Amino acid sequence: MPKVELVYDPGCPNVEAARAQLLRAFAVLDLPPRWQEWSSDNPATPEHARGYASPTILVDGQDVSGAEPIDGEASCRIYATNDGLRGTPSVREIIAALGHSVAMLASLLL
């Protein structure tokens, strides 16, 4: 099972929509919906999850949209999708990242 993480800022209005996108992606792949959430203002957030704008979805430590963490203040994030600018990654991007991770795991088991 891929390691999925949602990095968010508590003040970002797009967090609930990101959770909904995750649920849709897991459902399409018929995977149990499991992920860890990290708040950008929590000192317990691990180093690898710091510096991302909100919301960011990581699969096995990689941003589903290919972004890198940045230095600076917490902020909301905008995604360029086929449907225009959005506050969350597309379900297609999440599925691609999850599918890639599942395929990599399967190849290790074969």
N, C-alpha and C. Protein backbone atom coordinates (compact mmCIF):
# COMPACT_ATOMS: atom_id res chain seq x y z
N MET A 1 0.84 -1.18 0.00
CA MET A 1 0.00 0.00 0.00
C MET A 1 0.88 1.24 0.00
N PRO A 2 0.60 2.19 -0.88
CA PRO A 2 1.40 3.42 -0.90
C PRO A 2 1.22 4.22 0.38
N LYS A 3 2.25 4.98 0.73
CA LYS A 3 2.16 5.89 1.87
C LYS A 3 1.62 7.22 1.34
N VAL A 4 0.45 7.61 1.81
CA VAL A 4 -0.21 8.81 1.34
C VAL A 4 -0.30 9.80 2.50
N GLU A 5 0.03 11.06 2.20
CA GLU A 5 0.01 12.10 3.21
C GLU A 5 -0.67 13.35 2.65
N LEU A 6 -1.46 13.98 3.48
CA LEU A 6 -2.09 15.25 3.14
C LEU A 6 -1.46 16.32 4.02
N VAL A 7 -0.82 17.29 3.40
CA VAL A 7 -0.21 18.41 4.11
C VAL A 7 -1.13 19.61 3.92
N TYR A 8 -1.50 20.24 5.03
CA TYR A 8 -2.46 21.33 4.92
C TYR A 8 -2.19 22.44 5.92
N ASP A 9 -2.71 23.60 5.60
CA ASP A 9 -2.73 24.73 6.52
C ASP A 9 -4.14 24.81 7.07
N PRO A 10 -4.31 24.90 8.39
CA PRO A 10 -5.65 24.90 8.97
C PRO A 10 -6.57 26.00 8.42
N GLY A 11 -6.02 27.11 7.95
CA GLY A 11 -6.84 28.19 7.43
C GLY A 11 -7.17 28.08 5.96
N CYS A 12 -6.67 27.07 5.29
CA CYS A 12 -6.90 26.93 3.84
C CYS A 12 -8.30 26.38 3.58
N PRO A 13 -9.08 27.03 2.72
CA PRO A 13 -10.45 26.58 2.46
C PRO A 13 -10.53 25.35 1.56
N ASN A 14 -9.42 24.86 1.04
CA ASN A 14 -9.45 23.75 0.08
C ASN A 14 -9.14 22.38 0.68
N VAL A 15 -8.98 22.33 2.00
CA VAL A 15 -8.59 21.08 2.65
C VAL A 15 -9.69 20.02 2.53
N GLU A 16 -10.93 20.38 2.78
CA GLU A 16 -12.03 19.40 2.68
C GLU A 16 -12.16 18.88 1.25
N ALA A 17 -11.98 19.75 0.27
CA ALA A 17 -12.05 19.33 -1.12
C ALA A 17 -10.91 18.36 -1.45
N ALA A 18 -9.73 18.57 -0.87
CA ALA A 18 -8.61 17.66 -1.09
C ALA A 18 -8.91 16.28 -0.49
N ARG A 19 -9.52 16.26 0.68
CA ARG A 19 -9.92 14.98 1.28
C ARG A 19 -10.92 14.26 0.37
N ALA A 20 -11.86 15.01 -0.19
CA ALA A 20 -12.85 14.41 -1.09
C ALA A 20 -12.18 13.86 -2.35
N GLN A 21 -11.19 14.57 -2.87
CA GLN A 21 -10.46 14.07 -4.05
C GLN A 21 -9.71 12.78 -3.71
N LEU A 22 -9.11 12.73 -2.53
CA LEU A 22 -8.43 11.50 -2.11
C LEU A 22 -9.42 10.34 -2.04
N LEU A 23 -10.57 10.56 -1.44
CA LEU A 23 -11.57 9.50 -1.34
C LEU A 23 -12.00 9.01 -2.71
N ARG A 24 -12.19 9.92 -3.66
CA ARG A 24 -12.56 9.53 -5.02
C ARG A 24 -11.47 8.69 -5.68
N ALA A 25 -10.23 9.11 -5.52
CA ALA A 25 -9.12 8.38 -6.14
C ALA A 25 -8.99 6.97 -5.56
N PHE A 26 -9.07 6.86 -4.25
CA PHE A 26 -9.01 5.53 -3.64
C PHE A 26 -10.15 4.65 -4.12
N ALA A 27 -11.35 5.23 -4.25
CA ALA A 27 -12.52 4.47 -4.69
C ALA A 27 -12.33 3.96 -6.12
N VAL A 28 -11.82 4.81 -7.01
CA VAL A 28 -11.60 4.40 -8.40
C VAL A 28 -10.63 3.22 -8.46
N LEU A 29 -9.61 3.25 -7.63
CA LEU A 29 -8.60 2.18 -7.63
C LEU A 29 -8.99 1.00 -6.74
N ASP A 30 -10.14 1.11 -6.10
CA ASP A 30 -10.63 0.06 -5.20
C ASP A 30 -9.61 -0.25 -4.10
N LEU A 31 -9.04 0.82 -3.56
CA LEU A 31 -8.09 0.71 -2.45
C LEU A 31 -8.74 1.25 -1.19
N PRO A 32 -8.37 0.72 -0.03
CA PRO A 32 -8.91 1.30 1.21
C PRO A 32 -8.38 2.72 1.39
N PRO A 33 -9.25 3.66 1.73
CA PRO A 33 -8.81 5.06 1.86
C PRO A 33 -8.06 5.30 3.16
N ARG A 34 -6.73 5.35 3.06
CA ARG A 34 -5.88 5.58 4.24
C ARG A 34 -4.81 6.59 3.90
N TRP A 35 -4.71 7.61 4.77
CA TRP A 35 -3.64 8.57 4.62
C TRP A 35 -3.37 9.23 5.97
N GLN A 36 -2.20 9.83 6.07
CA GLN A 36 -1.77 10.57 7.25
C GLN A 36 -1.93 12.05 6.93
N GLU A 37 -2.38 12.83 7.90
CA GLU A 37 -2.50 14.27 7.70
C GLU A 37 -1.49 15.01 8.56
N TRP A 38 -0.91 16.05 7.96
CA TRP A 38 0.07 16.87 8.66
C TRP A 38 -0.34 18.33 8.55
N SER A 39 -0.52 18.98 9.67
CA SER A 39 -0.83 20.41 9.70
C SER A 39 0.46 21.21 9.64
N SER A 40 0.47 22.22 8.80
CA SER A 40 1.68 23.02 8.64
C SER A 40 2.07 23.78 9.91
N ASP A 41 1.12 23.97 10.83
CA ASP A 41 1.44 24.69 12.06
C ASP A 41 1.74 23.78 13.25
N ASN A 42 1.84 22.48 12.99
CA ASN A 42 2.11 21.52 14.07
C ASN A 42 3.61 21.22 14.12
N PRO A 43 4.26 21.46 15.24
CA PRO A 43 5.70 21.17 15.33
C PRO A 43 6.03 19.68 15.15
N ALA A 44 5.05 18.81 15.29
CA ALA A 44 5.29 17.37 15.12
C ALA A 44 5.30 16.95 13.64
N THR A 45 4.93 17.85 12.74
CA THR A 45 4.96 17.53 11.31
C THR A 45 6.39 17.20 10.91
N PRO A 46 6.60 16.04 10.27
CA PRO A 46 7.98 15.64 9.93
C PRO A 46 8.61 16.58 8.89
N GLU A 47 9.90 16.61 8.90
CA GLU A 47 10.66 17.50 8.03
C GLU A 47 10.29 17.33 6.56
N HIS A 48 10.10 16.08 6.10
CA HIS A 48 9.82 15.86 4.67
C HIS A 48 8.49 16.45 4.23
N ALA A 49 7.59 16.74 5.18
CA ALA A 49 6.27 17.27 4.85
C ALA A 49 6.19 18.78 5.07
N ARG A 50 7.28 19.40 5.41
CA ARG A 50 7.28 20.85 5.66
C ARG A 50 7.58 21.61 4.36
N GLY A 51 7.05 22.81 4.29
CA GLY A 51 7.36 23.69 3.17
C GLY A 51 6.42 23.57 1.99
N TYR A 52 5.43 22.71 2.07
CA TYR A 52 4.47 22.59 0.98
C TYR A 52 3.29 23.52 1.24
N ALA A 53 2.76 24.10 0.17
CA ALA A 53 1.55 24.92 0.29
C ALA A 53 0.36 23.99 0.48
N SER A 54 -0.75 24.56 0.89
CA SER A 54 -1.92 23.77 1.28
C SER A 54 -3.02 23.85 0.22
N PRO A 55 -3.61 22.71 -0.10
CA PRO A 55 -3.29 21.36 0.34
C PRO A 55 -2.29 20.71 -0.62
N THR A 56 -1.45 19.88 -0.07
CA THR A 56 -0.52 19.08 -0.87
C THR A 56 -0.75 17.62 -0.55
N ILE A 57 -0.78 16.79 -1.58
CA ILE A 57 -0.91 15.35 -1.39
C ILE A 57 0.40 14.70 -1.83
N LEU A 58 1.00 13.97 -0.90
CA LEU A 58 2.24 13.24 -1.16
C LEU A 58 1.93 11.75 -1.25
N VAL A 59 2.50 11.09 -2.24
CA VAL A 59 2.43 9.64 -2.34
C VAL A 59 3.86 9.13 -2.32
N ASP A 60 4.16 8.35 -1.31
CA ASP A 60 5.52 7.86 -1.08
C ASP A 60 6.53 9.01 -1.08
N GLY A 61 6.12 10.11 -0.44
CA GLY A 61 7.01 11.25 -0.27
C GLY A 61 7.08 12.21 -1.45
N GLN A 62 6.37 11.93 -2.54
CA GLN A 62 6.42 12.77 -3.73
C GLN A 62 5.10 13.49 -3.94
N ASP A 63 5.17 14.77 -4.22
CA ASP A 63 3.97 15.56 -4.51
C ASP A 63 3.31 15.00 -5.77
N VAL A 64 1.99 14.79 -5.74
CA VAL A 64 1.29 14.20 -6.89
C VAL A 64 1.37 15.09 -8.12
N SER A 65 1.63 16.39 -7.94
CA SER A 65 1.74 17.31 -9.07
C SER A 65 3.19 17.65 -9.42
N GLY A 66 4.12 17.06 -8.69
CA GLY A 66 5.54 17.26 -8.98
C GLY A 66 6.15 18.50 -8.36
N ALA A 67 5.44 19.20 -7.50
CA ALA A 67 5.99 20.40 -6.87
C ALA A 67 7.00 20.03 -5.78
N GLU A 68 7.87 20.96 -5.53
CA GLU A 68 8.87 20.81 -4.47
C GLU A 68 8.49 21.73 -3.32
N PRO A 69 8.92 21.41 -2.09
CA PRO A 69 8.65 22.32 -0.97
C PRO A 69 9.38 23.65 -1.17
N ILE A 70 8.85 24.68 -0.56
CA ILE A 70 9.46 26.01 -0.66
C ILE A 70 9.68 26.56 0.75
N ASP A 71 10.55 27.50 0.87
CA ASP A 71 10.75 28.21 2.14
C ASP A 71 9.75 29.35 2.21
N GLY A 72 9.30 29.66 3.38
CA GLY A 72 8.43 30.81 3.52
C GLY A 72 7.20 30.50 4.35
N GLU A 73 6.25 31.40 4.28
CA GLU A 73 5.02 31.32 5.04
C GLU A 73 4.08 30.26 4.47
N ALA A 74 3.24 29.74 5.32
CA ALA A 74 2.20 28.82 4.86
C ALA A 74 1.27 29.57 3.91
N SER A 75 0.78 28.86 2.93
CA SER A 75 -0.10 29.49 1.95
C SER A 75 -1.02 28.45 1.32
N CYS A 76 -2.09 28.94 0.72
CA CYS A 76 -2.95 28.07 -0.07
C CYS A 76 -2.33 27.88 -1.44
N ARG A 77 -2.65 26.78 -2.04
CA ARG A 77 -2.03 26.38 -3.29
C ARG A 77 -3.07 26.37 -4.40
N ILE A 78 -2.64 26.69 -5.60
CA ILE A 78 -3.48 26.63 -6.79
C ILE A 78 -2.86 25.61 -7.74
N TYR A 79 -3.72 24.76 -8.30
CA TYR A 79 -3.30 23.72 -9.24
C TYR A 79 -3.81 24.05 -10.64
N ALA A 80 -2.97 23.92 -11.64
CA ALA A 80 -3.39 24.05 -13.03
C ALA A 80 -3.84 22.67 -13.49
N THR A 81 -5.13 22.53 -13.80
CA THR A 81 -5.68 21.26 -14.26
C THR A 81 -6.25 21.42 -15.66
N ASN A 82 -6.68 20.33 -16.26
CA ASN A 82 -7.32 20.39 -17.57
C ASN A 82 -8.61 21.19 -17.52
N ASP A 83 -9.19 21.31 -16.34
CA ASP A 83 -10.44 22.06 -16.16
C ASP A 83 -10.20 23.48 -15.68
N GLY A 84 -8.98 23.95 -15.70
CA GLY A 84 -8.66 25.30 -15.25
C GLY A 84 -7.95 25.28 -13.91
N LEU A 85 -7.88 26.42 -13.27
CA LEU A 85 -7.21 26.53 -11.98
C LEU A 85 -8.13 26.03 -10.87
N ARG A 86 -7.57 25.21 -10.00
CA ARG A 86 -8.33 24.60 -8.90
C ARG A 86 -7.54 24.69 -7.61
N GLY A 87 -8.23 24.45 -6.49
CA GLY A 87 -7.60 24.47 -5.19
C GLY A 87 -7.10 23.12 -4.73
N THR A 88 -7.27 22.09 -5.58
CA THR A 88 -6.82 20.74 -5.25
C THR A 88 -6.24 20.08 -6.50
N PRO A 89 -5.41 19.06 -6.31
CA PRO A 89 -4.98 18.31 -7.48
C PRO A 89 -6.17 17.54 -8.04
N SER A 90 -6.10 17.19 -9.31
CA SER A 90 -7.19 16.44 -9.92
C SER A 90 -7.17 14.99 -9.43
N VAL A 91 -8.32 14.37 -9.50
CA VAL A 91 -8.41 12.95 -9.15
C VAL A 91 -7.47 12.16 -10.07
N ARG A 92 -7.38 12.57 -11.32
CA ARG A 92 -6.49 11.89 -12.29
C ARG A 92 -5.04 11.92 -11.82
N GLU A 93 -4.57 13.07 -11.31
CA GLU A 93 -3.19 13.16 -10.81
C GLU A 93 -2.98 12.24 -9.61
N ILE A 94 -3.94 12.23 -8.72
CA ILE A 94 -3.83 11.38 -7.53
C ILE A 94 -3.84 9.91 -7.94
N ILE A 95 -4.73 9.53 -8.84
CA ILE A 95 -4.80 8.15 -9.31
C ILE A 95 -3.48 7.75 -9.97
N ALA A 96 -2.92 8.64 -10.79
CA ALA A 96 -1.65 8.33 -11.45
C ALA A 96 -0.55 8.07 -10.44
N ALA A 97 -0.48 8.91 -9.39
CA ALA A 97 0.55 8.72 -8.37
C ALA A 97 0.32 7.44 -7.58
N LEU A 98 -0.93 7.19 -7.20
CA LEU A 98 -1.24 5.96 -6.46
C LEU A 98 -0.99 4.73 -7.34
N GLY A 99 -1.42 4.80 -8.59
CA GLY A 99 -1.24 3.68 -9.50
C GLY A 99 0.23 3.37 -9.74
N HIS A 100 1.03 4.41 -9.88
CA HIS A 100 2.47 4.22 -10.07
C HIS A 100 3.08 3.52 -8.86
N SER A 101 2.68 3.96 -7.68
CA SER A 101 3.20 3.37 -6.45
C SER A 101 2.77 1.91 -6.32
N VAL A 102 1.51 1.62 -6.62
CA VAL A 102 1.02 0.24 -6.54
C VAL A 102 1.75 -0.64 -7.55
N ALA A 103 1.97 -0.13 -8.76
CA ALA A 103 2.69 -0.90 -9.78
C ALA A 103 4.13 -1.18 -9.35
N MET A 104 4.77 -0.18 -8.73
CA MET A 104 6.15 -0.38 -8.26
C MET A 104 6.19 -1.47 -7.17
N LEU A 105 5.22 -1.44 -6.26
CA LEU A 105 5.17 -2.45 -5.22
C LEU A 105 4.93 -3.84 -5.82
N ALA A 106 4.05 -3.92 -6.78
CA ALA A 106 3.74 -5.19 -7.42
C ALA A 106 4.97 -5.76 -8.12
N SER A 107 5.75 -4.89 -8.80
CA SER A 107 6.93 -5.37 -9.50
C SER A 107 7.98 -5.91 -8.53
N LEU A 108 8.02 -5.36 -7.33
CA LEU A 108 8.96 -5.86 -6.31
C LEU A 108 8.54 -7.23 -5.79
N LEU A 109 7.26 -7.49 -5.82
CA LEU A 109 6.75 -8.76 -5.29
C LEU A 109 6.80 -9.88 -6.33
N LEU A 110 6.94 -9.53 -7.59
CA LEU A 110 6.95 -10.56 -8.65
C LEU A 110 8.31 -11.14 -8.88
